[in-house]
Amino acid sequence: MSKTFKALEASEENGGFKLSVIEKKLEDLPKGDLLIKVEYSSLNYKDAMSASGIPGVTRNYPHTPGIDATGEIVESEVGDFKEGDKVIVTGYDLGMNTSGGFGEYIRVPIDWVIHLPKGLSTKHSMSLGTAGLTAGLSIHALDNFREYLGFKDTKSVVTGSTGGVGSLAVMLLSKLGSEVTAVTGKKDKSDFLSLIGASNILSREELVETTKKPIGKSLWDLGVDVVSGETLSLLLTSLSPGGAVACSGLVGGTSFESSIFPFILRGNALIGIDSVEIPLKEKAHIWEHFASDWVLDHLDEITKEVSLVDLETEIQSILSGSQVGRVLVKI
């Protein structure tokens, strides 16, 4: 008799999309080198898009979302990974058009997988998840741009600071010694932002009042932006000489305006962050940091743990812009 497992499935129905927890068979999974029993996943904006049929993520339905997962290998066809090994999978096609982490099992190619670093539990790896990986890649790129001068005594700014990437970027920059200004549209979340390390809090309206186009006063040495649009335009006008912004999101729009002045008068840079298709060794490097010198205080406090049956409510929350912190999915 074929083994079955539970998974959250998004399907089209009467011109819309519905979510159901269903029984699937292992044979329903795609071919791959490793069969992994998933312990945890996490909820990211891209998951919510896939689950809701928003164009640009998933082509064919029915489909199981979940762009990240961690768990234990139960079948392996390659020597470097053995049954019983704990692993992390993030990005590539997982949860987009390949059955994802919102199911009890995934089957994936070896070149999507890294070993779970020592010092990092499966639970904490997905409390970070793709959001943490993206925040970590942003901070690493900024440090690289600054020739590894570090973040001590710098001034930084983070947009979308109550969301997944934003909140983890605030926590990480604060841990590394930066004075962080958190920009948010949620005026009632100042206590949350102070808890995770923000020294200053600006509303979106205050950001507009504080900055000036086409170039204004130098306010921050570096920034992490998950919004884009007008917000990114304003950050670029307000960097110190030699400063940079790492951008990884588009909730504020897919385009932005800028003059040449920040780039030729102050030597500023805009760094794009991709957490999906980058080489495994780059992902592994960031996870090793989170297992050692980047261990974050208060991570459990900003993480909400839910089951598959609770996910639909959380998906609606993230799509409406009301999610705060991280959503961990226990499978």
C-alpha atoms as a PDB file:
ATOM      1  CA  MET A   1       0.000   0.000   0.000  1.00  0.00           C
ATOM      2  CA  SER A   2       1.347   3.404  -0.961  1.00  0.00           C
ATOM      3  CA  LYS A   3       2.457   5.707   1.872  1.00  0.00           C
ATOM      4  CA  THR A   4       0.413   8.873   2.245  1.00  0.00           C
ATOM      5  CA  PHE A   5       1.159  12.158   3.944  1.00  0.00           C
ATOM      6  CA  LYS A   6      -0.568  15.429   4.762  1.00  0.00           C
ATOM      7  CA  ALA A   7      -0.004  18.599   2.774  1.00  0.00           C
ATOM      8  CA  LEU A   8      -1.603  22.001   2.303  1.00  0.00           C
ATOM      9  CA  GLU A   9      -2.871  22.257  -1.255  1.00  0.00           C
ATOM     10  CA  ALA A  10      -3.927  25.354  -3.169  1.00  0.00           C
ATOM     11  CA  SER A  11      -6.389  24.704  -5.971  1.00  0.00           C
ATOM     12  CA  GLU A  12      -8.491  26.699  -8.397  1.00  0.00           C
ATOM     13  CA  GLU A  13     -12.230  26.637  -7.853  1.00  0.00           C
ATOM     14  CA  ASN A  14     -14.938  28.720  -9.556  1.00  0.00           C
ATOM     15  CA  GLY A  15     -12.471  31.371 -10.696  1.00  0.00           C
ATOM     16  CA  GLY A  16     -10.825  31.647  -7.278  1.00  0.00           C
ATOM     17  CA  PHE A  17      -8.421  29.692  -5.101  1.00  0.00           C
ATOM     18  CA  LYS A  18      -9.046  27.565  -2.034  1.00  0.00           C
ATOM     19  CA  LEU A  19      -6.730  25.927   0.494  1.00  0.00           C
ATOM     20  CA  SER A  20      -7.215  22.438   1.897  1.00  0.00           C
ATOM     21  CA  VAL A  21      -5.159  20.042   3.996  1.00  0.00           C
ATOM     22  CA  ILE A  22      -5.240  16.828   1.975  1.00  0.00           C
ATOM     23  CA  GLU A  23      -3.670  13.365   1.834  1.00  0.00           C
ATOM     24  CA  LYS A  24      -1.044  12.923  -0.883  1.00  0.00           C
ATOM     25  CA  LYS A  25       1.034   9.940  -1.957  1.00  0.00           C
ATOM     26  CA  LEU A  26       4.818   9.860  -2.054  1.00  0.00           C
ATOM     27  CA  GLU A  27       4.502   8.947  -5.728  1.00  0.00           C
ATOM     28  CA  ASP A  28       2.895  12.379  -6.270  1.00  0.00           C
ATOM     29  CA  LEU A  29       6.208  14.061  -5.460  1.00  0.00           C
ATOM     30  CA  PRO A  30       8.634  14.916  -8.289  1.00  0.00           C
ATOM     31  CA  LYS A  31      11.757  12.892  -8.956  1.00  0.00           C
ATOM     32  CA  GLY A  32      14.832  13.906  -6.986  1.00  0.00           C
ATOM     33  CA  ASP A  33      17.945  12.762  -5.160  1.00  0.00           C
ATOM     34  CA  LEU A  34      16.639  13.157  -1.616  1.00  0.00           C
ATOM     35  CA  LEU A  35      13.349  12.392   0.105  1.00  0.00           C
ATOM     36  CA  ILE A  36      13.059  14.593   3.200  1.00  0.00           C
ATOM     37  CA  LYS A  37      10.589  14.324   6.070  1.00  0.00           C
ATOM     38  CA  VAL A  38       9.795  17.947   6.821  1.00  0.00           C
ATOM     39  CA  GLU A  39       9.809  19.090  10.436  1.00  0.00           C
ATOM     40  CA  TYR A  40       9.327  22.838   9.952  1.00  0.00           C
ATOM     41  CA  SER A  41       8.686  25.388   7.233  1.00  0.00           C
ATOM     42  CA  SER A  42       7.911  29.102   7.476  1.00  0.00           C
ATOM     43  CA  LEU A  43       5.529  31.584   5.911  1.00  0.00           C
ATOM     44  CA  ASN A  44       6.961  34.100   3.452  1.00  0.00           C
ATOM     45  CA  TYR A  45       5.237  36.615   1.193  1.00  0.00           C
ATOM     46  CA  LYS A  46       6.000  34.470  -1.852  1.00  0.00           C
ATOM     47  CA  ASP A  47       4.211  31.541  -0.185  1.00  0.00           C
ATOM     48  CA  ALA A  48       1.139  33.676   0.294  1.00  0.00           C
ATOM     49  CA  MET A  49       1.253  34.688  -3.371  1.00  0.00           C
ATOM     50  CA  SER A  50       1.521  31.056  -4.468  1.00  0.00           C
ATOM     51  CA  ALA A  51      -1.267  29.959  -2.131  1.00  0.00           C
ATOM     52  CA  SER A  52      -3.567  32.676  -3.477  1.00  0.00           C
ATOM     53  CA  GLY A  53      -2.883  32.267  -7.180  1.00  0.00           C
ATOM     54  CA  ILE A  54      -1.244  35.684  -7.541  1.00  0.00           C
ATOM     55  CA  PRO A  55       0.581  35.623 -10.901  1.00  0.00           C
ATOM     56  CA  GLY A  56       4.337  35.405 -11.073  1.00  0.00           C
ATOM     57  CA  VAL A  57       5.061  32.552  -8.662  1.00  0.00           C
ATOM     58  CA  THR A  58       3.225  29.305  -9.479  1.00  0.00           C
ATOM     59  CA  ARG A  59       2.166  28.293 -12.976  1.00  0.00           C
ATOM     60  CA  ASN A  60       0.085  25.173 -12.402  1.00  0.00           C
ATOM     61  CA  TYR A  61      -2.454  24.121  -9.777  1.00  0.00           C
ATOM     62  CA  PRO A  62      -3.238  22.222  -7.603  1.00  0.00           C
ATOM     63  CA  HIS A  63       0.003  22.931  -5.805  1.00  0.00           C
ATOM     64  CA  THR A  64       1.648  22.725  -2.356  1.00  0.00           C
ATOM     65  CA  PRO A  65       3.473  25.984  -1.483  1.00  0.00           C
ATOM     66  CA  GLY A  66       6.356  26.421   0.956  1.00  0.00           C
ATOM     67  CA  ILE A  67       9.613  27.919  -0.345  1.00  0.00           C
ATOM     68  CA  ASP A  68      11.674  26.640   2.558  1.00  0.00           C
ATOM     69  CA  ALA A  69      11.860  23.506   4.689  1.00  0.00           C
ATOM     70  CA  THR A  70      14.038  21.711   7.183  1.00  0.00           C
ATOM     71  CA  GLY A  71      13.934  18.122   8.311  1.00  0.00           C
ATOM     72  CA  GLU A  72      15.508  14.676   8.080  1.00  0.00           C
ATOM     73  CA  ILE A  73      16.569  12.687   5.041  1.00  0.00           C
ATOM     74  CA  VAL A  74      14.653   9.404   4.801  1.00  0.00           C
ATOM     75  CA  GLU A  75      15.846   8.303   1.352  1.00  0.00           C
ATOM     76  CA  SER A  76      19.074   9.258  -0.403  1.00  0.00           C
ATOM     77  CA  GLU A  77      20.598   8.422  -3.772  1.00  0.00           C
ATOM     78  CA  VAL A  78      23.839  10.354  -3.155  1.00  0.00           C
ATOM     79  CA  GLY A  79      26.787   9.679  -0.889  1.00  0.00           C
ATOM     80  CA  ASP A  80      27.253  13.117   0.642  1.00  0.00           C
ATOM     81  CA  PHE A  81      23.800  12.999   2.232  1.00  0.00           C
ATOM     82  CA  LYS A  82      22.750  10.009   4.321  1.00  0.00           C
ATOM     83  CA  GLU A  83      19.507   8.827   5.841  1.00  0.00           C
ATOM     84  CA  GLY A  84      19.093  10.561   9.185  1.00  0.00           C
ATOM     85  CA  ASP A  85      20.992  13.718   8.192  1.00  0.00           C
ATOM     86  CA  LYS A  86      19.288  17.000   9.113  1.00  0.00           C
ATOM     87  CA  VAL A  87      19.128  19.448   6.215  1.00  0.00           C
ATOM     88  CA  ILE A  88      17.832  22.849   5.072  1.00  0.00           C
ATOM     89  CA  VAL A  89      16.235  23.601   1.700  1.00  0.00           C
ATOM     90  CA  THR A  90      15.475  27.185   0.626  1.00  0.00           C
ATOM     91  CA  GLY A  91      14.747  28.775  -2.710  1.00  0.00           C
ATOM     92  CA  TYR A  92      15.345  27.441  -6.215  1.00  0.00           C
ATOM     93  CA  ASP A  93      11.993  26.035  -7.358  1.00  0.00           C
ATOM     94  CA  LEU A  94      10.817  24.654  -4.003  1.00  0.00           C
ATOM     95  CA  GLY A  95       7.261  25.754  -3.286  1.00  0.00           C
ATOM     96  CA  MET A  96       7.013  27.637  -6.561  1.00  0.00           C
ATOM     97  CA  ASN A  97       6.381  24.915  -9.127  1.00  0.00           C
ATOM     98  CA  THR A  98       7.865  22.023  -7.135  1.00  0.00           C
ATOM     99  CA  SER A  99       5.816  20.629  -4.235  1.00  0.00           C
ATOM    100  CA  GLY A 100       6.985  22.622  -1.232  1.00  0.00           C
ATOM    101  CA  GLY A 101       7.515  22.702   2.499  1.00  0.00           C
ATOM    102  CA  PHE A 102       3.841  22.911   3.460  1.00  0.00           C
ATOM    103  CA  GLY A 103       3.749  19.128   3.240  1.00  0.00           C
ATOM    104  CA  GLU A 104       5.128  16.357   5.441  1.00  0.00           C
ATOM    105  CA  TYR A 105       7.537  15.251   2.696  1.00  0.00           C
ATOM    106  CA  ILE A 106       9.482  16.880  -0.137  1.00  0.00           C
ATOM    107  CA  ARG A 107      11.685  15.313  -2.799  1.00  0.00           C
ATOM    108  CA  VAL A 108      14.409  17.541  -4.228  1.00  0.00           C
ATOM    109  CA  PRO A 109      17.716  17.556  -6.144  1.00  0.00           C
ATOM    110  CA  ILE A 110      20.934  17.438  -4.134  1.00  0.00           C
ATOM    111  CA  ASP A 111      21.996  20.864  -5.368  1.00  0.00           C
ATOM    112  CA  TRP A 112      19.122  22.502  -3.467  1.00  0.00           C
ATOM    113  CA  VAL A 113      20.177  21.144  -0.078  1.00  0.00           C
ATOM    114  CA  ILE A 114      22.678  22.017   2.666  1.00  0.00           C
ATOM    115  CA  HIS A 115      23.400  20.223   5.922  1.00  0.00           C
ATOM    116  CA  LEU A 116      21.940  21.853   9.013  1.00  0.00           C
ATOM    117  CA  PRO A 117      24.919  23.533  10.721  1.00  0.00           C
ATOM    118  CA  LYS A 118      25.912  22.416  14.192  1.00  0.00           C
ATOM    119  CA  GLY A 119      24.510  24.793  16.760  1.00  0.00           C
ATOM    120  CA  LEU A 120      21.323  25.469  14.795  1.00  0.00           C
ATOM    121  CA  SER A 121      18.152  23.467  15.463  1.00  0.00           C
ATOM    122  CA  THR A 122      15.588  22.673  12.784  1.00  0.00           C
ATOM    123  CA  LYS A 123      13.094  24.859  14.645  1.00  0.00           C
ATOM    124  CA  HIS A 124      15.360  27.887  14.820  1.00  0.00           C
ATOM    125  CA  SER A 125      16.463  27.464  11.209  1.00  0.00           C
ATOM    126  CA  MET A 126      12.866  27.948  10.073  1.00  0.00           C
ATOM    127  CA  SER A 127      12.167  30.662  12.643  1.00  0.00           C
ATOM    128  CA  LEU A 128      14.709  32.436  10.454  1.00  0.00           C
ATOM    129  CA  GLY A 129      13.751  30.755   7.173  1.00  0.00           C
ATOM    130  CA  THR A 130      14.051  32.469   3.808  1.00  0.00           C
ATOM    131  CA  ALA A 131      13.430  35.818   5.512  1.00  0.00           C
ATOM    132  CA  GLY A 132      16.448  35.306   7.734  1.00  0.00           C
ATOM    133  CA  LEU A 133      18.563  34.133   4.829  1.00  0.00           C
ATOM    134  CA  THR A 134      17.590  37.253   2.870  1.00  0.00           C
ATOM    135  CA  ALA A 135      18.336  39.554   5.812  1.00  0.00           C
ATOM    136  CA  GLY A 136      21.662  37.797   6.335  1.00  0.00           C
ATOM    137  CA  LEU A 137      22.614  38.084   2.684  1.00  0.00           C
ATOM    138  CA  SER A 138      21.755  41.792   2.812  1.00  0.00           C
ATOM    139  CA  ILE A 139      23.996  42.424   5.815  1.00  0.00           C
ATOM    140  CA  HIS A 140      26.790  40.327   4.304  1.00  0.00           C
ATOM    141  CA  ALA A 141      26.585  42.268   1.016  1.00  0.00           C
ATOM    142  CA  LEU A 142      26.741  45.601   2.844  1.00  0.00           C
ATOM    143  CA  ASP A 143      29.728  44.432   4.871  1.00  0.00           C
ATOM    144  CA  ASN A 144      31.443  43.269   1.689  1.00  0.00           C
ATOM    145  CA  PHE A 145      30.776  46.623   0.008  1.00  0.00           C
ATOM    146  CA  ARG A 146      32.352  48.396   2.978  1.00  0.00           C
ATOM    147  CA  GLU A 147      35.384  46.078   2.704  1.00  0.00           C
ATOM    148  CA  TYR A 148      34.469  44.339   5.946  1.00  0.00           C
ATOM    149  CA  LEU A 149      34.811  47.384   8.163  1.00  0.00           C
ATOM    150  CA  GLY A 150      32.029  45.995  10.330  1.00  0.00           C
ATOM    151  CA  PHE A 151      28.928  47.728  11.643  1.00  0.00           C
ATOM    152  CA  LYS A 152      30.050  49.050  15.002  1.00  0.00           C
ATOM    153  CA  ASP A 153      29.219  52.766  15.378  1.00  0.00           C
ATOM    154  CA  THR A 154      27.397  52.915  12.031  1.00  0.00           C
ATOM    155  CA  LYS A 155      23.923  54.321  11.489  1.00  0.00           C
ATOM    156  CA  SER A 156      21.540  52.124   9.517  1.00  0.00           C
ATOM    157  CA  VAL A 157      17.945  52.207   8.321  1.00  0.00           C
ATOM    158  CA  VAL A 158      15.573  49.296   7.725  1.00  0.00           C
ATOM    159  CA  THR A 159      12.250  49.553   5.907  1.00  0.00           C
ATOM    160  CA  GLY A 160       9.336  47.161   6.333  1.00  0.00           C
ATOM    161  CA  SER A 161      10.811  46.683   9.780  1.00  0.00           C
ATOM    162  CA  THR A 162       7.972  44.710  11.387  1.00  0.00           C
ATOM    163  CA  GLY A 163       7.888  42.057   8.643  1.00  0.00           C
ATOM    164  CA  GLY A 164      10.018  38.946   8.341  1.00  0.00           C
ATOM    165  CA  VAL A 165      13.082  40.254   6.495  1.00  0.00           C
ATOM    166  CA  GLY A 166      12.854  43.686   8.085  1.00  0.00           C
ATOM    167  CA  SER A 167      12.567  42.557  11.698  1.00  0.00           C
ATOM    168  CA  LEU A 168      15.452  40.104  11.347  1.00  0.00           C
ATOM    169  CA  ALA A 169      17.593  42.775   9.659  1.00  0.00           C
ATOM    170  CA  VAL A 170      16.908  45.133  12.582  1.00  0.00           C
ATOM    171  CA  MET A 171      17.891  42.420  15.058  1.00  0.00           C
ATOM    172  CA  LEU A 172      21.057  41.502  13.201  1.00  0.00           C
ATOM    173  CA  LEU A 173      22.274  45.058  12.582  1.00  0.00           C
ATOM    174  CA  SER A 174      21.640  45.947  16.218  1.00  0.00           C
ATOM    175  CA  LYS A 175      23.544  42.860  17.395  1.00  0.00           C
ATOM    176  CA  LEU A 176      26.476  43.848  15.199  1.00  0.00           C
ATOM    177  CA  GLY A 177      26.685  47.307  16.781  1.00  0.00           C
ATOM    178  CA  SER A 178      24.761  49.566  14.406  1.00  0.00           C
ATOM    179  CA  GLU A 179      22.333  52.258  15.530  1.00  0.00           C
ATOM    180  CA  VAL A 180      19.197  51.183  13.676  1.00  0.00           C
ATOM    181  CA  THR A 181      16.346  53.388  12.495  1.00  0.00           C
ATOM    182  CA  ALA A 182      13.255  51.298  11.793  1.00  0.00           C
ATOM    183  CA  VAL A 183      10.801  52.619   9.207  1.00  0.00           C
ATOM    184  CA  THR A 184       7.275  51.259   9.539  1.00  0.00           C
ATOM    185  CA  GLY A 185       3.687  51.828   8.537  1.00  0.00           C
ATOM    186  CA  LYS A 186       2.525  50.317  11.856  1.00  0.00           C
ATOM    187  CA  LYS A 187       2.595  53.161  14.338  1.00  0.00           C
ATOM    188  CA  ASP A 188       1.409  50.904  17.175  1.00  0.00           C
ATOM    189  CA  LYS A 189       4.447  48.583  16.996  1.00  0.00           C
ATOM    190  CA  SER A 190       7.061  50.804  18.641  1.00  0.00           C
ATOM    191  CA  ASP A 191       7.399  48.424  21.619  1.00  0.00           C
ATOM    192  CA  PHE A 192       8.015  45.509  19.242  1.00  0.00           C
ATOM    193  CA  LEU A 193      10.640  47.462  17.322  1.00  0.00           C
ATOM    194  CA  SER A 194      12.392  48.579  20.501  1.00  0.00           C
ATOM    195  CA  LEU A 195      12.446  44.968  21.727  1.00  0.00           C
ATOM    196  CA  ILE A 196      14.255  43.770  18.607  1.00  0.00           C
ATOM    197  CA  GLY A 197      16.886  46.505  18.746  1.00  0.00           C
ATOM    198  CA  ALA A 198      15.649  49.623  16.946  1.00  0.00           C
ATOM    199  CA  SER A 199      17.169  52.797  18.395  1.00  0.00           C
ATOM    200  CA  ASN A 200      14.923  55.107  16.377  1.00  0.00           C
ATOM    201  CA  ILE A 201      11.506  54.609  14.789  1.00  0.00           C
ATOM    202  CA  LEU A 202      10.135  56.563  11.827  1.00  0.00           C
ATOM    203  CA  SER A 203       6.694  56.338  10.303  1.00  0.00           C
ATOM    204  CA  ARG A 204       6.434  56.410   6.523  1.00  0.00           C
ATOM    205  CA  GLU A 205       5.150  59.984   6.781  1.00  0.00           C
ATOM    206  CA  GLU A 206       8.110  60.996   8.943  1.00  0.00           C
ATOM    207  CA  LEU A 207      10.493  59.463   6.414  1.00  0.00           C
ATOM    208  CA  VAL A 208       9.047  61.766   3.755  1.00  0.00           C
ATOM    209  CA  GLU A 209       9.432  64.781   6.067  1.00  0.00           C
ATOM    210  CA  THR A 210      12.982  63.838   7.092  1.00  0.00           C
ATOM    211  CA  THR A 211      14.463  63.257   3.645  1.00  0.00           C
ATOM    212  CA  LYS A 212      14.881  65.513   0.623  1.00  0.00           C
ATOM    213  CA  LYS A 213      15.131  64.958  -3.128  1.00  0.00           C
ATOM    214  CA  PRO A 214      17.193  64.861  -5.278  1.00  0.00           C
ATOM    215  CA  ILE A 215      19.795  64.701  -2.502  1.00  0.00           C
ATOM    216  CA  GLY A 216      19.598  65.688   1.126  1.00  0.00           C
ATOM    217  CA  LYS A 217      21.361  65.478   4.437  1.00  0.00           C
ATOM    218  CA  SER A 218      23.471  62.379   5.135  1.00  0.00           C
ATOM    219  CA  LEU A 219      21.460  60.429   7.692  1.00  0.00           C
ATOM    220  CA  TRP A 220      22.511  56.777   7.408  1.00  0.00           C
ATOM    221  CA  ASP A 221      25.610  54.818   6.456  1.00  0.00           C
ATOM    222  CA  LEU A 222      23.671  51.846   5.123  1.00  0.00           C
ATOM    223  CA  GLY A 223      20.196  50.501   4.637  1.00  0.00           C
ATOM    224  CA  VAL A 224      18.165  47.350   4.170  1.00  0.00           C
ATOM    225  CA  ASP A 225      15.084  47.925   2.011  1.00  0.00           C
ATOM    226  CA  VAL A 226      12.267  45.454   1.412  1.00  0.00           C
ATOM    227  CA  VAL A 227       9.781  48.010   0.083  1.00  0.00           C
ATOM    228  CA  SER A 228      11.229  49.674  -3.055  1.00  0.00           C
ATOM    229  CA  GLY A 229       9.164  52.351  -4.776  1.00  0.00           C
ATOM    230  CA  GLU A 230       9.153  55.823  -3.248  1.00  0.00           C
ATOM    231  CA  THR A 231      10.679  54.533  -0.012  1.00  0.00           C
ATOM    232  CA  LEU A 232      13.819  53.309  -1.769  1.00  0.00           C
ATOM    233  CA  SER A 233      14.057  56.611  -3.663  1.00  0.00           C
ATOM    234  CA  LEU A 234      14.097  58.497  -0.345  1.00  0.00           C
ATOM    235  CA  LEU A 235      16.720  56.245   1.229  1.00  0.00           C
ATOM    236  CA  LEU A 236      19.086  56.821  -1.679  1.00  0.00           C
ATOM    237  CA  THR A 237      18.937  60.588  -1.150  1.00  0.00           C
ATOM    238  CA  SER A 238      19.956  60.280   2.496  1.00  0.00           C
ATOM    239  CA  LEU A 239      23.052  58.069   2.617  1.00  0.00           C
ATOM    240  CA  SER A 240      26.449  59.129   3.913  1.00  0.00           C
ATOM    241  CA  PRO A 241      29.388  59.155   1.475  1.00  0.00           C
ATOM    242  CA  GLY A 242      30.363  55.586   0.671  1.00  0.00           C
ATOM    243  CA  GLY A 243      27.022  54.257   1.896  1.00  0.00           C
ATOM    244  CA  ALA A 244      24.831  51.596   0.340  1.00  0.00           C
ATOM    245  CA  VAL A 245      21.329  50.137   0.392  1.00  0.00           C
ATOM    246  CA  ALA A 246      20.634  46.416  -0.022  1.00  0.00           C
ATOM    247  CA  CYS A 247      17.228  45.906  -1.637  1.00  0.00           C
ATOM    248  CA  SER A 248      15.308  42.624  -1.683  1.00  0.00           C
ATOM    249  CA  GLY A 249      11.597  43.466  -1.878  1.00  0.00           C
ATOM    250  CA  LEU A 250       8.930  45.180  -3.912  1.00  0.00           C
ATOM    251  CA  VAL A 251       5.853  45.591  -1.725  1.00  0.00           C
ATOM    252  CA  GLY A 252       5.960  49.320  -2.467  1.00  0.00           C
ATOM    253  CA  GLY A 253       6.164  48.827  -6.227  1.00  0.00           C
ATOM    254  CA  THR A 254       8.347  47.343  -8.930  1.00  0.00           C
ATOM    255  CA  SER A 255      10.011  50.621  -9.911  1.00  0.00           C
ATOM    256  CA  PHE A 256      11.573  53.661  -8.261  1.00  0.00           C
ATOM    257  CA  GLU A 257      13.022  57.028  -9.276  1.00  0.00           C
ATOM    258  CA  SER A 258      16.497  58.338  -8.529  1.00  0.00           C
ATOM    259  CA  SER A 259      18.841  61.050  -9.754  1.00  0.00           C
ATOM    260  CA  ILE A 260      22.500  60.374 -10.453  1.00  0.00           C
ATOM    261  CA  PHE A 261      23.593  62.574  -7.513  1.00  0.00           C
ATOM    262  CA  PRO A 262      23.811  59.920  -4.745  1.00  0.00           C
ATOM    263  CA  PHE A 263      26.054  57.824  -6.973  1.00  0.00           C
ATOM    264  CA  ILE A 264      28.449  60.463  -8.317  1.00  0.00           C
ATOM    265  CA  LEU A 265      28.522  62.936  -5.420  1.00  0.00           C
ATOM    266  CA  ARG A 266      28.666  60.452  -2.543  1.00  0.00           C
ATOM    267  CA  GLY A 267      29.774  57.190  -4.139  1.00  0.00           C
ATOM    268  CA  ASN A 268      26.648  55.415  -2.928  1.00  0.00           C
ATOM    269  CA  ALA A 269      25.548  52.002  -4.134  1.00  0.00           C
ATOM    270  CA  LEU A 270      22.326  50.076  -4.588  1.00  0.00           C
ATOM    271  CA  ILE A 271      22.844  46.337  -4.071  1.00  0.00           C
ATOM    272  CA  GLY A 272      20.265  43.827  -5.258  1.00  0.00           C
ATOM    273  CA  ILE A 273      19.753  40.749  -3.056  1.00  0.00           C
ATOM    274  CA  ASP A 274      18.709  37.391  -4.507  1.00  0.00           C
ATOM    275  CA  SER A 275      18.119  34.590  -2.013  1.00  0.00           C
ATOM    276  CA  VAL A 276      16.634  32.126  -4.511  1.00  0.00           C
ATOM    277  CA  GLU A 277      19.130  31.144  -7.214  1.00  0.00           C
ATOM    278  CA  ILE A 278      22.470  31.935  -5.583  1.00  0.00           C
ATOM    279  CA  PRO A 279      25.051  29.130  -5.179  1.00  0.00           C
ATOM    280  CA  LEU A 280      24.629  26.755  -2.253  1.00  0.00           C
ATOM    281  CA  LYS A 281      27.977  27.753  -0.758  1.00  0.00           C
ATOM    282  CA  GLU A 282      26.737  31.319  -0.342  1.00  0.00           C
ATOM    283  CA  LYS A 283      23.610  30.124   1.438  1.00  0.00           C
ATOM    284  CA  ALA A 284      25.649  27.766   3.619  1.00  0.00           C
ATOM    285  CA  HIS A 285      27.924  30.650   4.607  1.00  0.00           C
ATOM    286  CA  ILE A 286      24.973  32.667   5.932  1.00  0.00           C
ATOM    287  CA  TRP A 287      23.501  29.685   7.810  1.00  0.00           C
ATOM    288  CA  GLU A 288      26.874  29.078   9.465  1.00  0.00           C
ATOM    289  CA  HIS A 289      26.817  32.673  10.692  1.00  0.00           C
ATOM    290  CA  PHE A 290      23.343  32.182  12.201  1.00  0.00           C
ATOM    291  CA  ALA A 291      24.620  29.061  13.960  1.00  0.00           C
ATOM    292  CA  SER A 292      27.549  30.918  15.531  1.00  0.00           C
ATOM    293  CA  ASP A 293      28.265  34.650  15.697  1.00  0.00           C
ATOM    294  CA  TRP A 294      24.824  35.749  14.484  1.00  0.00           C
ATOM    295  CA  VAL A 295      22.689  33.979  17.092  1.00  0.00           C
ATOM    296  CA  LEU A 296      19.774  36.368  17.656  1.00  0.00           C
ATOM    297  CA  ASP A 297      18.244  37.263  20.994  1.00  0.00           C
ATOM    298  CA  HIS A 298      14.442  37.449  21.128  1.00  0.00           C
ATOM    299  CA  LEU A 299      13.971  35.253  18.052  1.00  0.00           C
ATOM    300  CA  ASP A 300      11.480  33.024  19.859  1.00  0.00           C
ATOM    301  CA  GLU A 301       9.617  36.094  21.103  1.00  0.00           C
ATOM    302  CA  ILE A 302       8.925  37.388  17.593  1.00  0.00           C
ATOM    303  CA  THR A 303       8.009  33.966  16.165  1.00  0.00           C
ATOM    304  CA  LYS A 304       4.491  32.552  16.068  1.00  0.00           C
ATOM    305  CA  GLU A 305       4.231  28.778  15.638  1.00  0.00           C
ATOM    306  CA  VAL A 306       1.263  27.423  13.679  1.00  0.00           C
ATOM    307  CA  SER A 307       0.125  24.156  12.106  1.00  0.00           C
ATOM    308  CA  LEU A 308      -0.954  23.493   8.529  1.00  0.00           C
ATOM    309  CA  VAL A 309      -4.610  23.979   9.446  1.00  0.00           C
ATOM    310  CA  ASP A 310      -3.838  27.468  10.818  1.00  0.00           C
ATOM    311  CA  LEU A 311      -2.006  28.659   7.731  1.00  0.00           C
ATOM    312  CA  GLU A 312      -4.901  30.121   5.772  1.00  0.00           C
ATOM    313  CA  THR A 313      -5.486  32.801   8.421  1.00  0.00           C
ATOM    314  CA  GLU A 314      -1.786  33.687   8.470  1.00  0.00           C
ATOM    315  CA  ILE A 315      -1.670  33.868   4.669  1.00  0.00           C
ATOM    316  CA  GLN A 316      -4.470  36.413   4.671  1.00  0.00           C
ATOM    317  CA  SER A 317      -2.615  38.367   7.359  1.00  0.00           C
ATOM    318  CA  ILE A 318       0.623  38.601   5.387  1.00  0.00           C
ATOM    319  CA  LEU A 319      -1.214  39.566   2.186  1.00  0.00           C
ATOM    320  CA  SER A 320      -3.037  42.371   4.000  1.00  0.00           C
ATOM    321  CA  GLY A 321       0.242  43.719   5.386  1.00  0.00           C
ATOM    322  CA  SER A 322      -0.648  43.025   9.009  1.00  0.00           C
ATOM    323  CA  GLN A 323       1.866  40.260   9.770  1.00  0.00           C
ATOM    324  CA  VAL A 324       4.443  41.097  12.428  1.00  0.00           C
ATOM    325  CA  GLY A 325       7.619  39.090  12.954  1.00  0.00           C
ATOM    326  CA  ARG A 326       7.900  35.495  11.811  1.00  0.00           C
ATOM    327  CA  VAL A 327       5.433  32.652  11.284  1.00  0.00           C
ATOM    328  CA  LEU A 328       6.921  29.195  11.902  1.00  0.00           C
ATOM    329  CA  VAL A 329       5.019  26.241  10.438  1.00  0.00           C
ATOM    330  CA  LYS A 330       5.272  22.996  12.391  1.00  0.00           C
ATOM    331  CA  ILE A 331       4.622  20.138  10.006  1.00  0.00           C
END
